[in-house]
């Protein structure tokens, strides 16, 4: 059974690699949501490890 998996990554290449690795490990073609970085890379959190950090801090504040 395929799953919906959210991915937090430093950039779009990391996102693609993680998708491939997860599909290989699970043996399934899953659905993915890119939680971070945002699609345009210029969003409110930015990209790279600093963008991941800002995203995580924001999520913890909302928790």
PDB file of N, CA and C in Angstrom:
ATOM      1  N   UNK A   1       0.843  -1.173   0.000  1.00  0.00           N
ATOM      2  CA  UNK A   1       0.000   0.000   0.000  1.00  0.00           C
ATOM      3  C   UNK A   1       0.894   1.243   0.000  1.00  0.00           C
ATOM      4  N   UNK A   2       0.682   2.133  -0.943  1.00  0.00           N
ATOM      5  CA  UNK A   2       1.508   3.343  -1.005  1.00  0.00           C
ATOM      6  C   UNK A   2       1.110   4.306   0.106  1.00  0.00           C
ATOM      7  N   UNK A   3       2.058   5.147   0.477  1.00  0.00           N
ATOM      8  CA  UNK A   3       1.861   6.086   1.566  1.00  0.00           C
ATOM      9  C   UNK A   3       2.018   7.512   1.060  1.00  0.00           C
ATOM     10  N   UNK A   4       1.526   8.466   1.837  1.00  0.00           N
ATOM     11  CA  UNK A   4       1.781   9.880   1.577  1.00  0.00           C
ATOM     12  C   UNK A   4       2.868  10.295   2.563  1.00  0.00           C
ATOM     13  N   UNK A   5       3.995  10.773   2.036  1.00  0.00           N
ATOM     14  CA  UNK A   5       5.165  11.069   2.857  1.00  0.00           C
ATOM     15  C   UNK A   5       5.576  12.519   2.648  1.00  0.00           C
ATOM     16  N   UNK A   6       5.712  13.262   3.746  1.00  0.00           N
ATOM     17  CA  UNK A   6       6.202  14.632   3.684  1.00  0.00           C
ATOM     18  C   UNK A   6       7.714  14.640   3.795  1.00  0.00           C
ATOM     19  N   UNK A   7       8.363  15.460   2.978  1.00  0.00           N
ATOM     20  CA  UNK A   7       9.824  15.526   2.993  1.00  0.00           C
ATOM     21  C   UNK A   7      10.267  16.952   3.306  1.00  0.00           C
ATOM     22  N   UNK A   8      11.187  17.059   4.269  1.00  0.00           N
ATOM     23  CA  UNK A   8      11.855  18.320   4.589  1.00  0.00           C
ATOM     24  C   UNK A   8      13.303  18.133   4.163  1.00  0.00           C
ATOM     25  N   UNK A   9      13.755  18.957   3.221  1.00  0.00           N
ATOM     26  CA  UNK A   9      15.100  18.814   2.675  1.00  0.00           C
ATOM     27  C   UNK A   9      15.724  20.187   2.473  1.00  0.00           C
ATOM     28  N   UNK A  10      17.025  20.197   2.239  1.00  0.00           N
ATOM     29  CA  UNK A  10      17.723  21.458   2.012  1.00  0.00           C
ATOM     30  C   UNK A  10      17.437  22.043   0.633  1.00  0.00           C
ATOM     31  N   UNK A  11      17.185  21.202  -0.347  1.00  0.00           N
ATOM     32  CA  UNK A  11      16.968  21.697  -1.699  1.00  0.00           C
ATOM     33  C   UNK A  11      16.258  20.672  -2.560  1.00  0.00           C
ATOM     34  N   UNK A  12      15.962  21.028  -3.812  1.00  0.00           N
ATOM     35  CA  UNK A  12      15.199  20.147  -4.689  1.00  0.00           C
ATOM     36  C   UNK A  12      15.931  18.856  -5.039  1.00  0.00           C
ATOM     37  N   UNK A  13      17.251  18.876  -5.116  1.00  0.00           N
ATOM     38  CA  UNK A  13      17.994  17.652  -5.426  1.00  0.00           C
ATOM     39  C   UNK A  13      17.883  16.662  -4.275  1.00  0.00           C
ATOM     40  N   UNK A  14      17.989  17.149  -3.045  1.00  0.00           N
ATOM     41  CA  UNK A  14      17.820  16.276  -1.881  1.00  0.00           C
ATOM     42  C   UNK A  14      16.441  15.633  -1.894  1.00  0.00           C
ATOM     43  N   UNK A  15      15.442  16.411  -2.240  1.00  0.00           N
ATOM     44  CA  UNK A  15      14.058  15.915  -2.315  1.00  0.00           C
ATOM     45  C   UNK A  15      13.962  14.753  -3.296  1.00  0.00           C
ATOM     46  N   UNK A  16      14.544  14.916  -4.479  1.00  0.00           N
ATOM     47  CA  UNK A  16      14.490  13.858  -5.492  1.00  0.00           C
ATOM     48  C   UNK A  16      15.226  12.606  -5.040  1.00  0.00           C
ATOM     49  N   UNK A  17      16.377  12.778  -4.413  1.00  0.00           N
ATOM     50  CA  UNK A  17      17.150  11.624  -3.931  1.00  0.00           C
ATOM     51  C   UNK A  17      16.384  10.896  -2.832  1.00  0.00           C
ATOM     52  N   UNK A  18      15.817  11.642  -1.895  1.00  0.00           N
ATOM     53  CA  UNK A  18      15.059  11.012  -0.813  1.00  0.00           C
ATOM     54  C   UNK A  18      13.853  10.244  -1.338  1.00  0.00           C
ATOM     55  N   UNK A  19      13.157  10.807  -2.323  1.00  0.00           N
ATOM     56  CA  UNK A  19      12.027  10.087  -2.931  1.00  0.00           C
ATOM     57  C   UNK A  19      12.484   8.744  -3.501  1.00  0.00           C
ATOM     58  N   UNK A  20      13.574   8.758  -4.249  1.00  0.00           N
ATOM     59  CA  UNK A  20      14.077   7.533  -4.876  1.00  0.00           C
ATOM     60  C   UNK A  20      14.501   6.508  -3.827  1.00  0.00           C
ATOM     61  N   UNK A  21      15.179   6.967  -2.791  1.00  0.00           N
ATOM     62  CA  UNK A  21      15.646   6.058  -1.739  1.00  0.00           C
ATOM     63  C   UNK A  21      14.460   5.441  -0.994  1.00  0.00           C
ATOM     64  N   UNK A  22      13.481   6.267  -0.638  1.00  0.00           N
ATOM     65  CA  UNK A  22      12.311   5.758   0.093  1.00  0.00           C
ATOM     66  C   UNK A  22      11.537   4.756  -0.753  1.00  0.00           C
ATOM     67  N   UNK A  23      11.327   5.065  -2.036  1.00  0.00           N
ATOM     68  CA  UNK A  23      10.624   4.124  -2.913  1.00  0.00           C
ATOM     69  C   UNK A  23      11.388   2.805  -3.028  1.00  0.00           C
ATOM     70  N   UNK A  24      12.704   2.887  -3.099  1.00  0.00           N
ATOM     71  CA  UNK A  24      13.528   1.674  -3.203  1.00  0.00           C
ATOM     72  C   UNK A  24      13.413   0.847  -1.929  1.00  0.00           C
ATOM     73  N   UNK A  25      13.503   1.501  -0.778  1.00  0.00           N
ATOM     74  CA  UNK A  25      13.429   0.791   0.506  1.00  0.00           C
ATOM     75  C   UNK A  25      12.067   0.155   0.714  1.00  0.00           C
ATOM     76  N   UNK A  26      11.003   0.899   0.402  1.00  0.00           N
ATOM     77  CA  UNK A  26       9.647   0.392   0.637  1.00  0.00           C
ATOM     78  C   UNK A  26       9.166  -0.536  -0.474  1.00  0.00           C
ATOM     79  N   UNK A  27       9.821  -0.469  -1.632  1.00  0.00           N
ATOM     80  CA  UNK A  27       9.386  -1.292  -2.765  1.00  0.00           C
ATOM     81  C   UNK A  27       8.076  -0.822  -3.362  1.00  0.00           C
ATOM     82  N   UNK A  28       7.718   0.427  -3.093  1.00  0.00           N
ATOM     83  CA  UNK A  28       6.458   0.993  -3.573  1.00  0.00           C
ATOM     84  C   UNK A  28       6.707   2.351  -4.215  1.00  0.00           C
ATOM     85  N   UNK A  29       5.732   2.781  -4.988  1.00  0.00           N
ATOM     86  CA  UNK A  29       5.750   4.136  -5.515  1.00  0.00           C
ATOM     87  C   UNK A  29       4.811   4.952  -4.639  1.00  0.00           C
ATOM     88  N   UNK A  30       5.390   5.784  -3.783  1.00  0.00           N
ATOM     89  CA  UNK A  30       4.619   6.544  -2.808  1.00  0.00           C
ATOM     90  C   UNK A  30       4.298   7.941  -3.329  1.00  0.00           C
ATOM     91  N   UNK A  31       3.398   8.622  -2.634  1.00  0.00           N
ATOM     92  CA  UNK A  31       3.091  10.028  -2.939  1.00  0.00           C
ATOM     93  C   UNK A  31       3.882  10.890  -1.974  1.00  0.00           C
ATOM     94  N   UNK A  32       4.408  12.010  -2.472  1.00  0.00           N
ATOM     95  CA  UNK A  32       5.275  12.850  -1.659  1.00  0.00           C
ATOM     96  C   UNK A  32       4.794  14.299  -1.624  1.00  0.00           C
ATOM     97  N   UNK A  33       5.000  14.913  -0.473  1.00  0.00           N
ATOM     98  CA  UNK A  33       4.730  16.331  -0.298  1.00  0.00           C
ATOM     99  C   UNK A  33       6.049  17.006   0.061  1.00  0.00           C
ATOM    100  N   UNK A  34       6.430  18.002  -0.694  1.00  0.00           N
ATOM    101  CA  UNK A  34       7.625  18.763  -0.367  1.00  0.00           C
ATOM    102  C   UNK A  34       7.235  19.833   0.641  1.00  0.00           C
ATOM    103  N   UNK A  35       7.552  19.600   1.897  1.00  0.00           N
ATOM    104  CA  UNK A  35       7.213  20.547   2.959  1.00  0.00           C
ATOM    105  C   UNK A  35       8.214  21.693   3.021  1.00  0.00           C
ATOM    106  N   UNK A  36       9.467  21.374   2.755  1.00  0.00           N
ATOM    107  CA  UNK A  36      10.537  22.362   2.746  1.00  0.00           C
ATOM    108  C   UNK A  36      11.641  21.802   1.870  1.00  0.00           C
ATOM    109  N   UNK A  37      12.187  22.483   0.898  1.00  0.00           N
ATOM    110  CA  UNK A  37      11.989  23.890   0.592  1.00  0.00           C
ATOM    111  C   UNK A  37      10.680  24.127  -0.153  1.00  0.00           C
ATOM    112  N   UNK A  38      10.246  25.359  -0.106  1.00  0.00           N
ATOM    113  CA  UNK A  38       9.047  25.733  -0.845  1.00  0.00           C
ATOM    114  C   UNK A  38       9.342  25.681  -2.340  1.00  0.00           C
ATOM    115  N   UNK A  39       8.328  25.569  -3.131  1.00  0.00           N
ATOM    116  CA  UNK A  39       8.498  25.355  -4.571  1.00  0.00           C
ATOM    117  C   UNK A  39       9.330  26.419  -5.272  1.00  0.00           C
ATOM    118  N   UNK A  40       9.203  27.673  -4.852  1.00  0.00           N
ATOM    119  CA  UNK A  40       9.917  28.733  -5.574  1.00  0.00           C
ATOM    120  C   UNK A  40      11.300  29.033  -5.000  1.00  0.00           C
ATOM    121  N   UNK A  41      11.690  28.377  -3.921  1.00  0.00           N
ATOM    122  CA  UNK A  41      12.999  28.528  -3.282  1.00  0.00           C
ATOM    123  C   UNK A  41      13.224  29.929  -2.721  1.00  0.00           C
ATOM    124  N   UNK A  42      12.290  30.840  -2.907  1.00  0.00           N
ATOM    125  CA  UNK A  42      12.428  32.189  -2.373  1.00  0.00           C
ATOM    126  C   UNK A  42      11.331  32.490  -1.362  1.00  0.00           C
ATOM    127  N   UNK A  43      10.735  31.442  -0.841  1.00  0.00           N
ATOM    128  CA  UNK A  43       9.639  31.598   0.102  1.00  0.00           C
ATOM    129  C   UNK A  43      10.110  32.175   1.426  1.00  0.00           C
ATOM    130  N   UNK A  44       9.261  32.159   2.405  1.00  0.00           N
ATOM    131  CA  UNK A  44       9.574  32.815   3.675  1.00  0.00           C
ATOM    132  C   UNK A  44      10.689  32.126   4.457  1.00  0.00           C
ATOM    133  N   UNK A  45      10.984  30.854   4.177  1.00  0.00           N
ATOM    134  CA  UNK A  45      12.014  30.150   4.930  1.00  0.00           C
ATOM    135  C   UNK A  45      13.343  30.072   4.183  1.00  0.00           C
ATOM    136  N   UNK A  46      13.328  30.173   2.865  1.00  0.00           N
ATOM    137  CA  UNK A  46      14.547  30.041   2.077  1.00  0.00           C
ATOM    138  C   UNK A  46      14.925  28.585   1.881  1.00  0.00           C
ATOM    139  N   UNK A  47      16.126  28.357   1.363  1.00  0.00           N
ATOM    140  CA  UNK A  47      16.562  26.986   1.137  1.00  0.00           C
ATOM    141  C   UNK A  47      17.848  26.718   1.923  1.00  0.00           C
ATOM    142  N   UNK A  48      18.412  25.535   1.742  1.00  0.00           N
ATOM    143  CA  UNK A  48      19.613  25.152   2.476  1.00  0.00           C
ATOM    144  C   UNK A  48      19.286  24.794   3.917  1.00  0.00           C
ATOM    145  N   UNK A  49      20.345  24.551   4.692  1.00  0.00           N
ATOM    146  CA  UNK A  49      20.113  24.138   6.075  1.00  0.00           C
ATOM    147  C   UNK A  49      19.452  25.240   6.892  1.00  0.00           C
ATOM    148  N   UNK A  50      19.710  26.494   6.536  1.00  0.00           N
ATOM    149  CA  UNK A  50      19.066  27.588   7.267  1.00  0.00           C
ATOM    150  C   UNK A  50      17.566  27.595   7.026  1.00  0.00           C
ATOM    151  N   UNK A  51      17.150  27.261   5.813  1.00  0.00           N
ATOM    152  CA  UNK A  51      15.728  27.160   5.517  1.00  0.00           C
ATOM    153  C   UNK A  51      15.072  26.029   6.287  1.00  0.00           C
ATOM    154  N   UNK A  52      15.769  24.895   6.384  1.00  0.00           N
ATOM    155  CA  UNK A  52      15.257  23.761   7.170  1.00  0.00           C
ATOM    156  C   UNK A  52      15.133  24.180   8.636  1.00  0.00           C
ATOM    157  N   UNK A  53      16.145  24.860   9.148  1.00  0.00           N
ATOM    158  CA  UNK A  53      16.127  25.308  10.542  1.00  0.00           C
ATOM    159  C   UNK A  53      14.951  26.249  10.803  1.00  0.00           C
ATOM    160  N   UNK A  54      14.772  27.246   9.911  1.00  0.00           N
ATOM    161  CA  UNK A  54      13.658  28.197  10.088  1.00  0.00           C
ATOM    162  C   UNK A  54      12.314  27.482  10.036  1.00  0.00           C
ATOM    163  N   UNK A  55      12.186  26.540   9.112  1.00  0.00           N
ATOM    164  CA  UNK A  55      10.946  25.777   8.973  1.00  0.00           C
ATOM    165  C   UNK A  55      10.674  24.996  10.250  1.00  0.00           C
ATOM    166  N   UNK A  56      11.706  24.322  10.773  1.00  0.00           N
ATOM    167  CA  UNK A  56      11.549  23.514  11.977  1.00  0.00           C
ATOM    168  C   UNK A  56      11.176  24.368  13.182  1.00  0.00           C
ATOM    169  N   UNK A  57      11.845  25.503  13.360  1.00  0.00           N
ATOM    170  CA  UNK A  57      11.525  26.394  14.470  1.00  0.00           C
ATOM    171  C   UNK A  57      10.078  26.849  14.377  1.00  0.00           C
ATOM    172  N   UNK A  58       9.635  27.184  13.181  1.00  0.00           N
ATOM    173  CA  UNK A  58       8.237  27.619  12.983  1.00  0.00           C
ATOM    174  C   UNK A  58       7.263  26.514  13.345  1.00  0.00           C
ATOM    175  N   UNK A  59       7.577  25.284  12.929  1.00  0.00           N
ATOM    176  CA  UNK A  59       6.689  24.156  13.230  1.00  0.00           C
ATOM    177  C   UNK A  59       6.629  23.897  14.731  1.00  0.00           C
ATOM    178  N   UNK A  60       7.752  24.013  15.405  1.00  0.00           N
ATOM    179  CA  UNK A  60       7.768  23.789  16.857  1.00  0.00           C
ATOM    180  C   UNK A  60       6.966  24.851  17.598  1.00  0.00           C
ATOM    181  N   UNK A  61       7.024  26.089  17.114  1.00  0.00           N
ATOM    182  CA  UNK A  61       6.240  27.169  17.733  1.00  0.00           C
ATOM    183  C   UNK A  61       4.743  26.919  17.555  1.00  0.00           C
ATOM    184  N   UNK A  62       4.365  26.340  16.438  1.00  0.00           N
ATOM    185  CA  UNK A  62       2.950  26.062  16.166  1.00  0.00           C
ATOM    186  C   UNK A  62       2.459  24.806  16.835  1.00  0.00           C
ATOM    187  N   UNK A  63       3.360  24.016  17.383  1.00  0.00           N
ATOM    188  CA  UNK A  63       2.994  22.738  17.991  1.00  0.00           C
ATOM    189  C   UNK A  63       2.421  22.942  19.322  1.00  0.00           C
TER     190      UNK A  63
END
